[in-house]
Amino acid sequence: MVVDSKWEYLEAKTINDSKFVKSFVKNDHLNFVIYYNYQGVVRRFFPDFICKLTNGEYLVIETKGQDNEQNRTKRAYLDEWCRAVNEHGGFGKWKWAVSFDPNDLQKIIQDKYNEE
């Protein structure tokens, strides 16, 4: 398993053990990238995990120790990406979430699974 930190290892283990997750991948060398504009500069954001839930939906998970304006901007663009893909309709249903603590991830996954 490729992870960047102990935190990501704990998150990956939680994802792997979740009854709501059918499969997942660490976004490492996949080039799943969200482009965003922060303070006039176009940047690239590589969310940490992509999950396929047991209900057939997809969940993009980002792990963050702390929040700031740039991270909120990244999430706004990720939200826009998910809405655009969902509106297209040809790539399944996509959701996203951010985890600020490894202990919150199981509840986040469950909540996203149950979200309409």
C-alpha atoms as a PDB file:
ATOM      1  CA  MET A   1       0.000   0.000   0.000  1.00  0.00           C
ATOM      2  CA  VAL A   2       1.398   3.376  -1.034  1.00  0.00           C
ATOM      3  CA  VAL A   3       0.808   6.072   1.572  1.00  0.00           C
ATOM      4  CA  ASP A   4       2.513   9.360   2.359  1.00  0.00           C
ATOM      5  CA  SER A   5       2.155   9.266   6.142  1.00  0.00           C
ATOM      6  CA  LYS A   6       0.975   7.246   9.132  1.00  0.00           C
ATOM      7  CA  TRP A   7      -2.240   9.265   8.972  1.00  0.00           C
ATOM      8  CA  GLU A   8      -2.863   8.162   5.374  1.00  0.00           C
ATOM      9  CA  TYR A   9      -2.103   4.570   6.398  1.00  0.00           C
ATOM     10  CA  LEU A  10      -4.801   4.768   9.095  1.00  0.00           C
ATOM     11  CA  GLU A  11      -7.213   6.327   6.615  1.00  0.00           C
ATOM     12  CA  ALA A  12      -6.450   3.621   4.013  1.00  0.00           C
ATOM     13  CA  LYS A  13      -7.017   0.911   6.620  1.00  0.00           C
ATOM     14  CA  THR A  14     -10.378   2.459   7.594  1.00  0.00           C
ATOM     15  CA  ILE A  15     -11.407   2.677   3.936  1.00  0.00           C
ATOM     16  CA  ASN A  16     -10.289  -0.907   3.295  1.00  0.00           C
ATOM     17  CA  ASP A  17     -12.205  -2.217   6.314  1.00  0.00           C
ATOM     18  CA  SER A  18     -15.412  -0.266   5.584  1.00  0.00           C
ATOM     19  CA  LYS A  19     -18.467  -2.335   4.687  1.00  0.00           C
ATOM     20  CA  PHE A  20     -19.583   0.573   2.485  1.00  0.00           C
ATOM     21  CA  VAL A  21     -16.489   0.470   0.230  1.00  0.00           C
ATOM     22  CA  LYS A  22     -16.239  -2.057  -2.582  1.00  0.00           C
ATOM     23  CA  SER A  23     -12.761  -0.958  -3.730  1.00  0.00           C
ATOM     24  CA  PHE A  24     -10.429   2.016  -3.481  1.00  0.00           C
ATOM     25  CA  VAL A  25      -7.149   3.361  -4.744  1.00  0.00           C
ATOM     26  CA  LYS A  26      -4.573   5.825  -3.456  1.00  0.00           C
ATOM     27  CA  ASN A  27      -4.340   8.618  -5.995  1.00  0.00           C
ATOM     28  CA  ASP A  28      -0.636   8.044  -6.639  1.00  0.00           C
ATOM     29  CA  HIS A  29       0.594   8.351 -10.230  1.00  0.00           C
ATOM     30  CA  LEU A  30      -2.988   8.102 -11.520  1.00  0.00           C
ATOM     31  CA  ASN A  31      -3.084  11.710 -12.700  1.00  0.00           C
ATOM     32  CA  PHE A  32      -6.546  12.220 -11.233  1.00  0.00           C
ATOM     33  CA  VAL A  33      -6.125  15.952 -10.841  1.00  0.00           C
ATOM     34  CA  ILE A  34      -8.426  18.866 -10.095  1.00  0.00           C
ATOM     35  CA  TYR A  35      -7.196  22.175 -11.482  1.00  0.00           C
ATOM     36  CA  TYR A  36      -8.023  25.208  -9.379  1.00  0.00           C
ATOM     37  CA  ASN A  37      -7.283  28.904  -9.357  1.00  0.00           C
ATOM     38  CA  TYR A  38      -5.839  30.273  -6.129  1.00  0.00           C
ATOM     39  CA  GLN A  39      -4.777  33.916  -5.924  1.00  0.00           C
ATOM     40  CA  GLY A  40      -4.629  34.173  -9.707  1.00  0.00           C
ATOM     41  CA  VAL A  41      -2.444  31.093 -10.233  1.00  0.00           C
ATOM     42  CA  VAL A  42      -3.801  27.867 -11.733  1.00  0.00           C
ATOM     43  CA  ARG A  43      -2.634  24.968  -9.579  1.00  0.00           C
ATOM     44  CA  ARG A  44      -3.111  21.205  -9.426  1.00  0.00           C
ATOM     45  CA  PHE A  45      -4.789  19.294  -6.609  1.00  0.00           C
ATOM     46  CA  PHE A  46      -4.437  15.501  -6.294  1.00  0.00           C
ATOM     47  CA  PRO A  47      -7.071  14.197  -3.830  1.00  0.00           C
ATOM     48  CA  ASP A  48      -5.775  11.338  -1.662  1.00  0.00           C
ATOM     49  CA  PHE A  49      -8.200   8.472  -2.312  1.00  0.00           C
ATOM     50  CA  ILE A  50     -10.832   7.404  -4.843  1.00  0.00           C
ATOM     51  CA  CYS A  51     -13.373   4.873  -3.571  1.00  0.00           C
ATOM     52  CA  LYS A  52     -16.077   2.866  -5.264  1.00  0.00           C
ATOM     53  CA  LEU A  53     -18.865   2.374  -2.769  1.00  0.00           C
ATOM     54  CA  THR A  54     -20.921  -0.811  -2.547  1.00  0.00           C
ATOM     55  CA  ASN A  55     -23.932   1.125  -3.912  1.00  0.00           C
ATOM     56  CA  GLY A  56     -21.985   1.867  -7.128  1.00  0.00           C
ATOM     57  CA  GLU A  57     -21.252   5.505  -6.342  1.00  0.00           C
ATOM     58  CA  TYR A  58     -17.763   7.013  -6.194  1.00  0.00           C
ATOM     59  CA  LEU A  59     -16.296   8.934  -3.270  1.00  0.00           C
ATOM     60  CA  VAL A  60     -13.204  11.146  -3.493  1.00  0.00           C
ATOM     61  CA  ILE A  61     -11.537  11.527  -0.088  1.00  0.00           C
ATOM     62  CA  GLU A  62      -9.000  14.141   0.904  1.00  0.00           C
ATOM     63  CA  THR A  63      -7.183  13.982   4.245  1.00  0.00           C
ATOM     64  CA  LYS A  64      -6.137  17.213   5.927  1.00  0.00           C
ATOM     65  CA  GLY A  65      -4.596  17.935   9.304  1.00  0.00           C
ATOM     66  CA  GLN A  66      -5.620  21.547   9.274  1.00  0.00           C
ATOM     67  CA  ASP A  67      -7.738  23.787   7.118  1.00  0.00           C
ATOM     68  CA  ASN A  68      -6.909  27.035   5.396  1.00  0.00           C
ATOM     69  CA  GLU A  69      -8.159  29.256   2.582  1.00  0.00           C
ATOM     70  CA  GLN A  70      -6.224  27.387  -0.112  1.00  0.00           C
ATOM     71  CA  ASN A  71      -7.646  24.015   1.006  1.00  0.00           C
ATOM     72  CA  ARG A  72     -11.167  25.446   1.003  1.00  0.00           C
ATOM     73  CA  THR A  73     -10.550  26.703  -2.553  1.00  0.00           C
ATOM     74  CA  LYS A  74      -9.391  23.226  -3.620  1.00  0.00           C
ATOM     75  CA  ARG A  75     -12.575  21.704  -2.203  1.00  0.00           C
ATOM     76  CA  ALA A  76     -14.753  24.273  -3.975  1.00  0.00           C
ATOM     77  CA  TYR A  77     -13.232  23.183  -7.286  1.00  0.00           C
ATOM     78  CA  LEU A  78     -13.580  19.497  -6.360  1.00  0.00           C
ATOM     79  CA  ASP A  79     -17.244  20.139  -5.548  1.00  0.00           C
ATOM     80  CA  GLU A  80     -17.692  21.864  -8.913  1.00  0.00           C
ATOM     81  CA  TRP A  81     -15.979  18.909 -10.656  1.00  0.00           C
ATOM     82  CA  CYS A  82     -18.303  16.405  -8.952  1.00  0.00           C
ATOM     83  CA  ARG A  83     -21.389  18.441  -9.828  1.00  0.00           C
ATOM     84  CA  ALA A  84     -20.281  18.702 -13.486  1.00  0.00           C
ATOM     85  CA  VAL A  85     -19.554  14.961 -13.779  1.00  0.00           C
ATOM     86  CA  ASN A  86     -22.859  14.103 -12.113  1.00  0.00           C
ATOM     87  CA  GLU A  87     -24.750  16.478 -14.406  1.00  0.00           C
ATOM     88  CA  HIS A  88     -23.121  14.835 -17.434  1.00  0.00           C
ATOM     89  CA  GLY A  89     -24.479  11.517 -16.183  1.00  0.00           C
ATOM     90  CA  GLY A  90     -22.168   9.199 -18.103  1.00  0.00           C
ATOM     91  CA  PHE A  91     -19.578   8.495 -15.415  1.00  0.00           C
ATOM     92  CA  GLY A  92     -21.640   7.384 -12.430  1.00  0.00           C
ATOM     93  CA  LYS A  93     -22.473   9.404  -9.333  1.00  0.00           C
ATOM     94  CA  TRP A  94     -19.549  11.131  -7.604  1.00  0.00           C
ATOM     95  CA  LYS A  95     -19.280  12.599  -4.107  1.00  0.00           C
ATOM     96  CA  TRP A  96     -16.400  14.025  -2.132  1.00  0.00           C
ATOM     97  CA  ALA A  97     -15.395  14.375   1.505  1.00  0.00           C
ATOM     98  CA  VAL A  98     -12.550  15.690   3.596  1.00  0.00           C
ATOM     99  CA  SER A  99     -11.293  13.991   6.737  1.00  0.00           C
ATOM    100  CA  PHE A 100      -9.565  16.102   9.371  1.00  0.00           C
ATOM    101  CA  ASP A 101      -9.036  13.188  11.781  1.00  0.00           C
ATOM    102  CA  PRO A 102      -8.604   9.457  11.051  1.00  0.00           C
ATOM    103  CA  ASN A 103     -11.231   8.745  13.712  1.00  0.00           C
ATOM    104  CA  ASP A 104     -13.938  10.574  11.751  1.00  0.00           C
ATOM    105  CA  LEU A 105     -13.542   8.704   8.465  1.00  0.00           C
ATOM    106  CA  GLN A 106     -15.835   5.728   9.072  1.00  0.00           C
ATOM    107  CA  LYS A 107     -18.720   8.072   9.902  1.00  0.00           C
ATOM    108  CA  ILE A 108     -17.910  10.243   6.871  1.00  0.00           C
ATOM    109  CA  ILE A 109     -18.008   7.221   4.559  1.00  0.00           C
ATOM    110  CA  GLN A 110     -21.280   6.002   6.081  1.00  0.00           C
ATOM    111  CA  ASP A 111     -22.848   9.475   5.839  1.00  0.00           C
ATOM    112  CA  LYS A 112     -21.782   9.857   2.189  1.00  0.00           C
ATOM    113  CA  TYR A 113     -23.095   6.365   1.415  1.00  0.00           C
ATOM    114  CA  ASN A 114     -26.502   7.298   2.866  1.00  0.00           C
ATOM    115  CA  GLU A 115     -26.566  10.801   1.336  1.00  0.00           C
ATOM    116  CA  GLU A 116     -29.083  11.328  -1.477  1.00  0.00           C
END
